[in-house]
Amino acid sequence: MKQDILQDLSYGMYVVGTKEKGEEVGCIANSAMQITSTPVTIAISLNHQNATNQAIKESGQFSLSILNEQTKKELIQTFGYFSSKDKKKYEGIEQEEVSSLPVIKDSNGYLLCRVVATLETTTHTIFLGEVFERKRYQELPPMTYAYYHQVLKGTTPKKAPTYQEEKNHSEKRKWRCKICGYIYEGDELKEDFVCPLCGATANMFEKI
């Protein structure tokens, strides 16, 4: 089956962080892009259900840590599959606080942004952030969404903007005639079925 053309769009893997009532909160984002160069403006997309979404609206700023191919899969799972309401995601993670924002050191570096505009969609908020500070930690190939799925065999949570519900495509069953090799495809082989080539009855077919 051909892949959906949407899967050919390019995405990265990032941790978006901020503070809520003095506590560090954050989540995984795979939709981030530079919008302008003067001033440098970044757009990110976060689900309305993410605790980080509301925290950014209240704080008016966020950090964007750019993950690389050496970033541990466990870090992505922690920030991608748990809510900041239920888990302190930054505990046990190599990180630091810069200008009151948490950043991940197991990354290529970070951008710190002040929110200058928002756009609400049905399920997500698009935040436009003007970069006021940035730093590179290391130079490694940035982790792409394709690398995360194809190499790390990662999965996509339902809150991600790129999530697509798996469709249940049940494969047709196949039976082969033991006499002539004819192959029947269908949901079920009926008891009164007769091979159209050699006339063998259903009991002479084997499932393959």
Protein backbone atom coordinates (compact mmCIF):
# COMPACT_ATOMS: atom_id res chain seq x y z
CA MET A 1 0.00 0.00 0.00
CA LYS A 2 1.34 3.43 -0.92
CA GLN A 3 2.21 5.78 1.93
CA ASP A 4 0.13 8.90 2.43
CA ILE A 5 1.82 11.83 0.62
CA LEU A 6 1.66 13.74 3.93
CA GLN A 7 4.44 11.46 5.16
CA ASP A 8 6.80 13.07 2.64
CA LEU A 9 6.65 16.39 4.49
CA SER A 10 9.84 17.00 6.47
CA TYR A 11 9.73 17.14 10.28
CA GLY A 12 12.21 17.28 13.12
CA MET A 13 12.09 16.17 16.75
CA TYR A 14 12.14 18.77 19.52
CA VAL A 15 11.42 19.25 23.21
CA VAL A 16 9.36 22.36 23.94
CA GLY A 17 9.75 23.58 27.51
CA THR A 18 8.46 26.34 29.76
CA LYS A 19 7.56 27.04 33.39
CA GLU A 20 4.19 26.79 35.12
CA LYS A 21 3.97 28.16 38.66
CA GLY A 22 7.71 27.65 39.00
CA GLU A 23 7.59 24.03 37.81
CA GLU A 24 9.31 22.84 34.64
CA VAL A 25 6.93 21.45 32.02
CA GLY A 26 7.60 20.25 28.50
CA CYS A 27 6.57 17.98 25.67
CA ILE A 28 7.75 16.59 22.35
CA ALA A 29 6.98 18.56 19.19
CA ASN A 30 7.65 17.48 15.62
CA SER A 31 6.26 20.59 13.94
CA ALA A 32 8.62 23.57 14.22
CA MET A 33 9.93 25.89 11.54
CA GLN A 34 11.63 29.25 11.07
CA ILE A 35 9.18 31.82 9.75
CA THR A 36 11.33 34.97 9.45
CA SER A 37 15.01 35.86 9.75
CA THR A 38 14.72 39.48 10.94
CA PRO A 39 13.73 39.10 13.65
CA VAL A 40 14.27 35.35 13.90
CA THR A 41 10.79 33.92 14.45
CA ILE A 42 9.89 30.27 15.08
CA ALA A 43 6.51 28.57 14.75
CA ILE A 44 5.57 25.50 16.77
CA SER A 45 2.33 23.51 16.97
CA LEU A 46 1.01 22.00 20.23
CA ASN A 47 -2.17 20.10 20.96
CA HIS A 48 -4.75 21.87 23.11
CA GLN A 49 -4.67 18.92 25.53
CA ASN A 50 -0.95 19.29 26.25
CA ALA A 51 -0.27 20.86 29.64
CA THR A 52 2.63 22.68 27.99
CA ASN A 53 0.20 24.46 25.66
CA GLN A 54 -1.60 26.25 28.49
CA ALA A 55 1.65 26.88 30.35
CA ILE A 56 3.12 28.70 27.34
CA LYS A 57 -0.02 30.82 27.04
CA GLU A 58 0.39 31.86 30.67
CA SER A 59 4.17 32.39 30.65
CA GLY A 60 4.43 33.91 27.17
CA GLN A 61 7.70 32.14 26.38
CA PHE A 62 9.15 28.74 25.57
CA SER A 63 12.38 26.89 24.85
CA LEU A 64 12.95 24.68 21.83
CA SER A 65 15.63 22.01 22.30
CA ILE A 66 16.68 20.48 18.98
CA LEU A 67 17.19 16.72 19.37
CA ASN A 68 19.83 14.75 17.44
CA GLU A 69 20.28 11.16 16.32
CA GLN A 70 22.13 10.33 19.56
CA THR A 71 19.29 11.54 21.79
CA LYS A 72 18.00 8.66 23.88
CA LYS A 73 14.71 7.16 22.78
CA GLU A 74 13.65 7.03 26.45
CA LEU A 75 13.82 10.83 26.63
CA ILE A 76 11.45 11.11 23.68
CA GLN A 77 9.05 8.62 25.24
CA THR A 78 9.08 10.49 28.56
CA PHE A 79 8.30 13.86 26.99
CA GLY A 80 5.97 12.42 24.35
CA TYR A 81 3.79 9.96 26.24
CA PHE A 82 3.40 11.42 29.73
CA SER A 83 1.58 14.53 30.87
CA SER A 84 3.44 17.17 32.85
CA LYS A 85 0.43 17.09 35.16
CA ASP A 86 1.30 13.53 36.17
CA LYS A 87 5.08 13.35 35.81
CA LYS A 88 8.06 15.59 36.46
CA LYS A 89 9.63 14.99 33.08
CA TYR A 90 12.88 16.85 33.70
CA GLU A 91 13.85 14.74 36.72
CA GLY A 92 16.83 12.54 35.87
CA ILE A 93 17.34 14.36 32.55
CA GLU A 94 20.57 16.23 31.82
CA GLN A 95 19.27 19.77 31.54
CA GLU A 96 19.86 23.32 32.65
CA GLU A 97 17.82 26.47 33.20
CA VAL A 98 18.56 29.45 30.96
CA SER A 99 16.67 32.73 31.37
CA SER A 100 14.13 30.89 33.55
CA LEU A 101 13.45 28.29 30.86
CA PRO A 102 14.42 24.58 30.95
CA VAL A 103 16.56 23.23 28.09
CA ILE A 104 17.75 19.72 27.27
CA LYS A 105 21.52 19.21 27.16
CA ASP A 106 21.13 15.86 25.37
CA SER A 107 20.46 17.87 22.20
CA ASN A 108 22.20 19.94 19.54
CA GLY A 109 21.23 23.14 21.33
CA TYR A 110 18.30 25.39 22.04
CA LEU A 111 16.30 28.44 21.03
CA LEU A 112 14.56 30.62 23.60
CA CYS A 113 11.46 32.40 22.34
CA ARG A 114 8.95 35.03 23.42
CA VAL A 115 5.45 34.45 22.09
CA VAL A 116 4.47 37.22 19.67
CA ALA A 117 1.31 35.67 18.19
CA THR A 118 -0.91 32.58 18.35
CA LEU A 119 -3.29 30.90 15.95
CA GLU A 120 -5.94 28.49 17.18
CA THR A 121 -6.95 25.50 15.04
CA THR A 122 -9.53 22.83 15.87
CA THR A 123 -7.07 20.71 17.85
CA HIS A 124 -3.79 22.67 18.05
CA THR A 125 -2.35 26.06 18.88
CA ILE A 126 0.33 27.50 16.61
CA PHE A 127 2.71 29.67 18.62
CA LEU A 128 4.92 32.25 16.89
CA GLY A 129 7.98 32.92 19.02
CA GLU A 130 10.66 35.55 18.54
CA VAL A 131 14.07 34.11 19.41
CA PHE A 132 15.88 36.12 22.11
CA GLU A 133 18.63 33.64 22.94
CA ARG A 134 20.18 30.57 21.34
CA LYS A 135 23.09 28.22 21.88
CA ARG A 136 24.64 25.15 20.25
CA TYR A 137 25.82 22.30 22.45
CA GLN A 138 27.13 19.94 19.78
CA GLU A 139 27.11 19.26 16.05
CA LEU A 140 25.39 15.97 15.33
CA PRO A 141 22.84 15.06 12.64
CA PRO A 142 19.52 16.45 13.86
CA MET A 143 16.91 13.80 14.53
CA THR A 144 14.22 13.81 11.87
CA TYR A 145 10.75 12.41 12.28
CA ALA A 146 11.61 9.79 9.64
CA TYR A 147 14.74 8.72 11.58
CA TYR A 148 12.70 8.40 14.78
CA HIS A 149 10.22 6.08 13.08
CA GLN A 150 12.43 4.13 10.67
CA VAL A 151 15.58 3.69 12.78
CA LEU A 152 14.41 3.98 16.39
CA LYS A 153 11.06 2.35 15.54
CA GLY A 154 9.26 5.04 17.52
CA THR A 155 5.52 5.58 17.54
CA THR A 156 3.35 8.71 17.38
CA PRO A 157 1.05 9.76 20.24
CA LYS A 158 -2.48 10.83 19.37
CA LYS A 159 -1.79 14.44 20.42
CA ALA A 160 0.88 14.90 17.72
CA PRO A 161 -0.13 17.05 14.73
CA THR A 162 1.14 14.31 12.40
CA TYR A 163 -0.80 11.49 14.08
CA GLN A 164 -2.82 9.37 11.68
CA GLU A 165 -5.15 6.67 12.93
CA GLU A 166 -4.18 3.24 11.70
CA LYS A 167 -6.74 1.90 9.28
CA ASN A 168 -7.76 -1.71 9.68
CA HIS A 169 -6.90 -3.25 6.35
CA SER A 170 -7.55 -6.96 6.89
CA GLU A 171 -5.70 -9.04 4.32
CA LYS A 172 -7.76 -11.52 2.35
CA ARG A 173 -7.23 -15.13 3.36
CA LYS A 174 -5.82 -17.58 0.83
CA TRP A 175 -6.38 -21.28 0.26
CA ARG A 176 -4.44 -23.49 -2.17
CA CYS A 177 -5.81 -26.54 -3.95
CA LYS A 178 -3.69 -29.58 -3.08
CA ILE A 179 -4.51 -31.12 -6.44
CA CYS A 180 -3.80 -28.43 -9.03
CA GLY A 181 -2.36 -25.52 -7.03
CA TYR A 182 -5.21 -23.09 -7.71
CA ILE A 183 -5.32 -20.30 -5.10
CA TYR A 184 -8.60 -18.98 -3.74
CA GLU A 185 -8.69 -15.54 -2.04
CA GLY A 186 -11.56 -14.41 0.12
CA ASP A 187 -12.94 -13.96 3.62
CA GLU A 188 -13.81 -17.63 4.03
CA LEU A 189 -13.74 -20.85 1.98
CA LYS A 190 -17.27 -22.26 1.92
CA GLU A 191 -17.92 -25.97 2.38
CA ASP A 192 -19.60 -26.27 -1.03
CA PHE A 193 -16.73 -24.55 -2.87
CA VAL A 194 -15.40 -26.42 -5.90
CA CYS A 195 -12.05 -25.73 -7.56
CA PRO A 196 -12.73 -24.05 -10.92
CA LEU A 197 -9.70 -25.76 -12.47
CA CYS A 198 -9.81 -29.38 -11.34
CA GLY A 199 -13.15 -29.73 -9.57
CA ALA A 200 -11.62 -30.57 -6.15
CA THR A 201 -13.91 -29.99 -3.16
CA ALA A 202 -13.24 -27.58 -0.27
CA ASN A 203 -11.66 -30.26 1.93
CA MET A 204 -8.82 -30.55 -0.62
CA PHE A 205 -7.75 -26.93 -0.01
CA GLU A 206 -5.11 -25.85 2.51
CA LYS A 207 -4.86 -22.39 4.08
CA ILE A 208 -1.70 -20.40 3.16
